[in-house]
Amino acid sequence: MFYQLPNGKVIEMTTEQFVEMSDEELEYLIAYNYGDVIENPWMGSILNKHDANMYENIELPEIIDITEIEKLEDLDADLTTED
């Protein structure tokens, strides 16, 4: 993900790195002027990907094709009651 520092510079990091980052580390990045200035608002956007046909071959079951019995026998449903 991209994260914009308070000084306007942008850095790229994972969500885990962002969550684990301390205030001191953030101040360090700002103090050393780390990061880049991004002028393109579409930088890193999925809209820039050229493989538009990537999701066309995914087959999803139609909800209307599922019978009532299959819906009632859904093993993922947690219908147990606790006393």
Protein backbone atom coordinates (compact mmCIF):
# COMPACT_ATOMS: atom_id res chain seq x y z
CA MET A 1 0.00 0.00 0.00
CA PHE A 2 1.04 3.59 -0.45
CA TYR A 3 1.28 5.80 2.64
CA GLN A 4 1.66 9.55 2.43
CA LEU A 5 3.88 11.01 5.12
CA PRO A 6 2.97 14.34 6.74
CA ASN A 7 5.70 16.03 4.67
CA GLY A 8 3.92 15.06 1.43
CA LYS A 9 6.29 12.27 0.41
CA VAL A 10 4.85 8.83 -0.37
CA ILE A 11 6.31 5.49 0.69
CA GLU A 12 5.23 1.97 -0.18
CA MET A 13 4.81 -0.58 2.60
CA THR A 14 2.76 -3.59 3.52
CA THR A 15 -0.18 -3.37 5.90
CA GLU A 16 1.78 -5.35 8.49
CA GLN A 17 4.67 -2.86 8.32
CA PHE A 18 2.24 0.02 8.78
CA VAL A 19 0.59 -1.57 11.82
CA GLU A 20 3.95 -2.39 13.43
CA MET A 21 5.51 1.05 12.73
CA SER A 22 6.22 3.10 15.83
CA ASP A 23 6.04 6.88 16.15
CA GLU A 24 9.84 7.04 16.27
CA GLU A 25 10.13 5.19 12.96
CA LEU A 26 7.62 7.58 11.39
CA GLU A 27 9.58 10.58 12.68
CA TYR A 28 12.79 9.02 11.31
CA LEU A 29 11.27 8.74 7.82
CA ILE A 30 10.12 12.35 7.95
CA ALA A 31 13.45 13.65 9.31
CA TYR A 32 15.50 12.00 6.58
CA ASN A 33 13.06 13.14 3.87
CA TYR A 34 12.43 9.54 2.84
CA GLY A 35 9.95 8.79 0.06
CA ASP A 36 8.98 10.09 -3.34
CA VAL A 37 6.70 12.80 -4.61
CA ILE A 38 4.00 11.16 -6.72
CA GLU A 39 2.31 13.44 -9.23
CA ASN A 40 0.23 10.74 -10.91
CA PRO A 41 -3.01 10.18 -8.95
CA TRP A 42 -3.43 6.77 -10.64
CA MET A 43 -0.03 5.46 -9.49
CA GLY A 44 -0.36 1.78 -8.56
CA SER A 45 -4.03 1.67 -9.54
CA ILE A 46 -5.58 -1.54 -10.81
CA LEU A 47 -7.09 0.54 -13.58
CA ASN A 48 -3.65 0.80 -15.18
CA LYS A 49 -3.28 -2.97 -15.49
CA HIS A 50 -3.37 -4.12 -19.09
CA ASP A 51 -4.72 -7.60 -18.36
CA ALA A 52 -8.43 -6.72 -18.40
CA ASN A 53 -9.40 -10.30 -19.32
CA MET A 54 -7.90 -11.68 -16.12
CA TYR A 55 -11.28 -12.21 -14.42
CA GLU A 56 -13.35 -13.33 -17.40
CA ASN A 57 -12.59 -17.04 -17.04
CA ILE A 58 -13.75 -17.37 -13.43
CA GLU A 59 -16.83 -19.56 -13.18
CA LEU A 60 -19.16 -18.72 -10.31
CA PRO A 61 -22.22 -20.81 -9.47
CA GLU A 62 -25.51 -19.09 -9.98
CA ILE A 63 -27.42 -18.64 -6.74
CA ILE A 64 -30.70 -19.47 -8.45
CA ASP A 65 -29.30 -22.88 -9.50
CA ILE A 66 -28.88 -24.02 -5.88
CA THR A 67 -31.77 -26.17 -4.69
CA GLU A 68 -33.57 -25.65 -1.38
CA ILE A 69 -32.13 -28.93 -0.04
CA GLU A 70 -28.57 -27.83 -0.87
CA LYS A 71 -29.19 -24.57 0.97
CA LEU A 72 -30.48 -26.43 4.04
CA GLU A 73 -27.55 -28.87 3.99
CA ASP A 74 -24.92 -26.13 3.90
CA LEU A 75 -22.07 -27.42 6.05
CA ASP A 76 -20.61 -23.94 6.57
CA ALA A 77 -23.64 -22.74 8.48
CA ASP A 78 -23.27 -22.90 12.26
CA LEU A 79 -26.77 -23.62 13.49
CA THR A 80 -25.92 -25.33 16.78
CA THR A 81 -27.53 -23.95 19.92
CA GLU A 82 -25.85 -23.81 23.26
CA ASP A 83 -27.81 -24.46 26.47
